[in-house]
């Protein structure tokens, strides 16, 4: 096969990866040779902080929503305070998947080996007009691990203003406990259940 032919195959493979029209194990062929594109699942790092099933069970048994919230956030990689930076998340073992570069306006996604993920929505949203709107709403960070989901909402400066914790039943998927909360400018936390 000539160099032009090889370059053409690689160009097709690169374009397929960029457009997302290829899955693991798909093949891009050019007669008589073929190139198999292997896309390995990104595994992430070793989580230094995570909400485990043991912590979730303690929170489910805690009658006070305020105490349950504090317990969950103390173990979460996305706790109280300002919106986490990429460096902070990577230091906790959540590694950037790099997928944002393929999708304009997508969140930055960080993952750990245990299946935990943190998505950071801080660059605005794509509107119905197809344009990026940086004033499209609050900054948001979503942490998920198993049946636990935590959504944190920040102001334009990255300061926490509120959020929501949802714990789903592991078998049926219904919501076992949901705690909504707000954070006042003085740092006072109010929970709603």
Protein backbone atom coordinates (compact mmCIF):
# COMPACT_ATOMS: atom_id res chain seq x y z
CA UNK A 1 0.00 0.00 0.00
CA UNK A 2 1.36 3.42 -0.89
CA UNK A 3 1.91 6.19 1.69
CA UNK A 4 -1.05 8.09 0.22
CA UNK A 5 -3.26 5.03 0.77
CA UNK A 6 -2.06 4.61 4.36
CA UNK A 7 -2.59 8.30 5.07
CA UNK A 8 -6.10 8.06 3.64
CA UNK A 9 -6.97 5.18 5.96
CA UNK A 10 -5.61 7.05 8.96
CA UNK A 11 -7.50 10.19 7.94
CA UNK A 12 -10.75 8.18 7.76
CA UNK A 13 -10.02 6.61 11.15
CA UNK A 14 -9.31 10.01 12.73
CA UNK A 15 -12.46 11.52 11.26
CA UNK A 16 -14.54 8.58 12.55
CA UNK A 17 -13.13 9.08 16.05
CA UNK A 18 -13.82 12.82 15.98
CA UNK A 19 -17.42 12.41 14.83
CA UNK A 20 -18.12 9.58 17.25
CA UNK A 21 -19.17 7.25 14.43
CA UNK A 22 -16.93 4.48 15.62
CA UNK A 23 -17.20 2.15 18.59
CA UNK A 24 -14.71 -0.19 20.20
CA UNK A 25 -13.84 -2.94 17.76
CA UNK A 26 -15.21 -1.18 14.65
CA UNK A 27 -13.09 -1.50 11.56
CA UNK A 28 -12.25 0.98 8.85
CA UNK A 29 -11.21 -0.90 5.75
CA UNK A 30 -9.30 -0.15 2.63
CA UNK A 31 -8.63 -3.05 0.31
CA UNK A 32 -6.56 -5.18 0.64
CA UNK A 33 -5.47 -4.00 4.13
CA UNK A 34 -7.58 -3.04 7.12
CA UNK A 35 -6.94 -1.11 10.27
CA UNK A 36 -8.80 -1.99 13.45
CA UNK A 37 -9.44 0.90 15.78
CA UNK A 38 -9.25 -0.08 19.42
CA UNK A 39 -10.81 2.32 21.86
CA UNK A 40 -10.14 1.28 25.42
CA UNK A 41 -12.40 2.40 28.22
CA UNK A 42 -10.74 5.18 30.22
CA UNK A 43 -10.24 3.79 33.73
CA UNK A 44 -9.35 6.84 35.77
CA UNK A 45 -7.33 7.00 38.95
CA UNK A 46 -7.54 5.67 42.49
CA UNK A 47 -10.17 7.70 44.35
CA UNK A 48 -8.80 9.24 47.55
CA UNK A 49 -12.27 10.39 48.63
CA UNK A 50 -15.55 8.74 47.70
CA UNK A 51 -19.03 8.07 49.00
CA UNK A 52 -19.10 4.34 49.74
CA UNK A 53 -22.10 2.11 50.29
CA UNK A 54 -21.26 2.06 54.00
CA UNK A 55 -21.48 5.87 54.17
CA UNK A 56 -24.73 5.81 52.16
CA UNK A 57 -26.26 3.29 54.59
CA UNK A 58 -25.30 5.48 57.57
CA UNK A 59 -26.87 8.50 55.86
CA UNK A 60 -30.07 6.57 55.13
CA UNK A 61 -30.36 5.68 58.82
CA UNK A 62 -29.61 9.22 60.05
CA UNK A 63 -32.89 10.92 61.05
CA UNK A 64 -31.47 14.45 60.71
CA UNK A 65 -31.19 15.55 57.07
CA UNK A 66 -28.58 18.14 58.11
CA UNK A 67 -26.34 15.48 59.73
CA UNK A 68 -26.85 13.08 56.80
CA UNK A 69 -25.85 15.85 54.36
CA UNK A 70 -22.70 16.66 56.34
CA UNK A 71 -21.74 12.96 56.52
CA UNK A 72 -22.14 12.48 52.76
CA UNK A 73 -20.31 15.68 51.79
CA UNK A 74 -17.44 14.96 54.21
CA UNK A 75 -16.72 11.79 52.20
CA UNK A 76 -17.40 13.23 48.75
CA UNK A 77 -14.64 14.51 46.45
CA UNK A 78 -16.93 17.51 45.90
CA UNK A 79 -17.63 18.81 49.41
CA UNK A 80 -18.53 22.21 50.79
CA UNK A 81 -16.62 25.25 49.60
CA UNK A 82 -15.81 26.63 46.19
CA UNK A 83 -16.14 24.70 42.94
CA UNK A 84 -13.27 22.20 42.65
CA UNK A 85 -10.53 22.84 40.12
CA UNK A 86 -9.20 20.22 37.71
CA UNK A 87 -6.00 19.98 39.77
CA UNK A 88 -7.94 19.37 43.00
CA UNK A 89 -10.02 16.61 41.42
CA UNK A 90 -6.97 14.96 39.83
CA UNK A 91 -5.15 15.06 43.19
CA UNK A 92 -8.11 13.13 44.63
CA UNK A 93 -7.73 10.43 41.94
CA UNK A 94 -10.39 11.62 39.47
CA UNK A 95 -8.75 11.91 36.07
CA UNK A 96 -9.96 13.99 33.11
CA UNK A 97 -11.30 11.74 30.34
CA UNK A 98 -10.41 14.33 27.69
CA UNK A 99 -13.78 13.87 25.99
CA UNK A 100 -14.67 17.56 26.16
CA UNK A 101 -12.37 18.29 23.24
CA UNK A 102 -14.71 16.26 21.00
CA UNK A 103 -17.94 17.96 22.12
CA UNK A 104 -18.18 21.76 22.26
CA UNK A 105 -19.98 22.85 25.42
CA UNK A 106 -19.82 19.44 27.07
CA UNK A 107 -18.86 19.20 30.72
CA UNK A 108 -15.37 18.25 31.80
CA UNK A 109 -15.66 14.66 33.04
CA UNK A 110 -13.35 13.10 35.61
CA UNK A 111 -13.50 9.41 36.52
CA UNK A 112 -12.00 7.05 39.08
CA UNK A 113 -11.30 3.32 38.84
CA UNK A 114 -14.13 2.50 41.24
CA UNK A 115 -16.72 3.86 38.81
CA UNK A 116 -17.13 7.28 40.38
CA UNK A 117 -17.47 10.27 38.08
CA UNK A 118 -17.43 14.04 38.48
CA UNK A 119 -18.85 16.24 35.72
CA UNK A 120 -18.05 19.94 35.87
CA UNK A 121 -20.36 22.28 33.96
CA UNK A 122 -18.59 25.63 34.05
CA UNK A 123 -18.17 26.88 30.51
CA UNK A 124 -21.76 27.71 29.63
CA UNK A 125 -24.25 25.76 27.60
CA UNK A 126 -25.11 25.34 23.92
CA UNK A 127 -28.39 27.10 23.22
CA UNK A 128 -31.09 26.24 20.67
CA UNK A 129 -29.28 28.58 18.27
CA UNK A 130 -26.22 26.28 18.37
CA UNK A 131 -24.05 28.95 20.00
CA UNK A 132 -22.15 28.73 23.26
CA UNK A 133 -23.78 30.87 25.97
CA UNK A 134 -21.50 31.50 28.95
CA UNK A 135 -24.30 33.21 30.85
CA UNK A 136 -26.67 30.26 30.44
CA UNK A 137 -27.01 29.52 34.12
CA UNK A 138 -25.16 28.58 37.25
CA UNK A 139 -21.99 26.57 37.40
CA UNK A 140 -22.75 22.99 38.39
CA UNK A 141 -20.76 19.96 39.48
CA UNK A 142 -22.32 16.49 39.55
CA UNK A 143 -20.69 13.58 41.42
CA UNK A 144 -22.03 10.04 40.90
CA UNK A 145 -20.97 6.78 42.43
CA UNK A 146 -23.28 3.78 42.19
CA UNK A 147 -26.71 4.67 43.57
CA UNK A 148 -25.51 8.06 44.90
CA UNK A 149 -25.79 11.35 43.00
CA UNK A 150 -24.74 14.76 44.28
CA UNK A 151 -25.44 18.01 42.43
CA UNK A 152 -23.67 21.17 43.62
CA UNK A 153 -24.66 24.62 42.31
CA UNK A 154 -22.27 27.56 42.38
CA UNK A 155 -22.51 31.25 41.54
CA UNK A 156 -20.52 32.85 38.71
CA UNK A 157 -17.49 33.10 41.03
CA UNK A 158 -17.56 29.39 41.90
CA UNK A 159 -19.00 29.89 45.42
CA UNK A 160 -21.44 27.20 46.61
CA UNK A 161 -25.09 28.36 46.74
CA UNK A 162 -26.94 25.04 47.11
CA UNK A 163 -27.49 21.61 45.74
CA UNK A 164 -29.16 18.24 45.99
CA UNK A 165 -28.29 14.73 47.16
CA UNK A 166 -30.19 11.74 45.77
CA UNK A 167 -29.81 8.15 46.98
CA UNK A 168 -31.55 5.55 44.82
CA UNK A 169 -32.56 2.03 45.78
CA UNK A 170 -29.95 -0.35 44.38
CA UNK A 171 -32.47 -2.85 43.03
CA UNK A 172 -35.61 -0.99 41.97
CA UNK A 173 -34.04 2.42 41.32
CA UNK A 174 -36.61 4.48 43.23
CA UNK A 175 -35.42 7.43 45.32
CA UNK A 176 -34.81 6.32 48.91
CA UNK A 177 -33.73 9.72 50.16
CA UNK A 178 -33.38 13.17 48.63
CA UNK A 179 -31.92 16.13 50.46
CA UNK A 180 -32.09 19.57 48.85
CA UNK A 181 -30.09 22.36 50.47
CA UNK A 182 -29.19 26.01 50.15
CA UNK A 183 -26.13 27.85 51.42
CA UNK A 184 -26.58 31.46 52.52
CA UNK A 185 -23.82 34.05 51.87
CA UNK A 186 -22.84 33.76 55.55
CA UNK A 187 -22.31 29.98 55.10
CA UNK A 188 -25.49 28.87 56.89
CA UNK A 189 -26.89 25.65 55.43
CA UNK A 190 -30.61 24.99 55.20
CA UNK A 191 -31.81 21.51 54.27
CA UNK A 192 -35.15 20.42 52.79
CA UNK A 193 -36.30 16.83 52.65
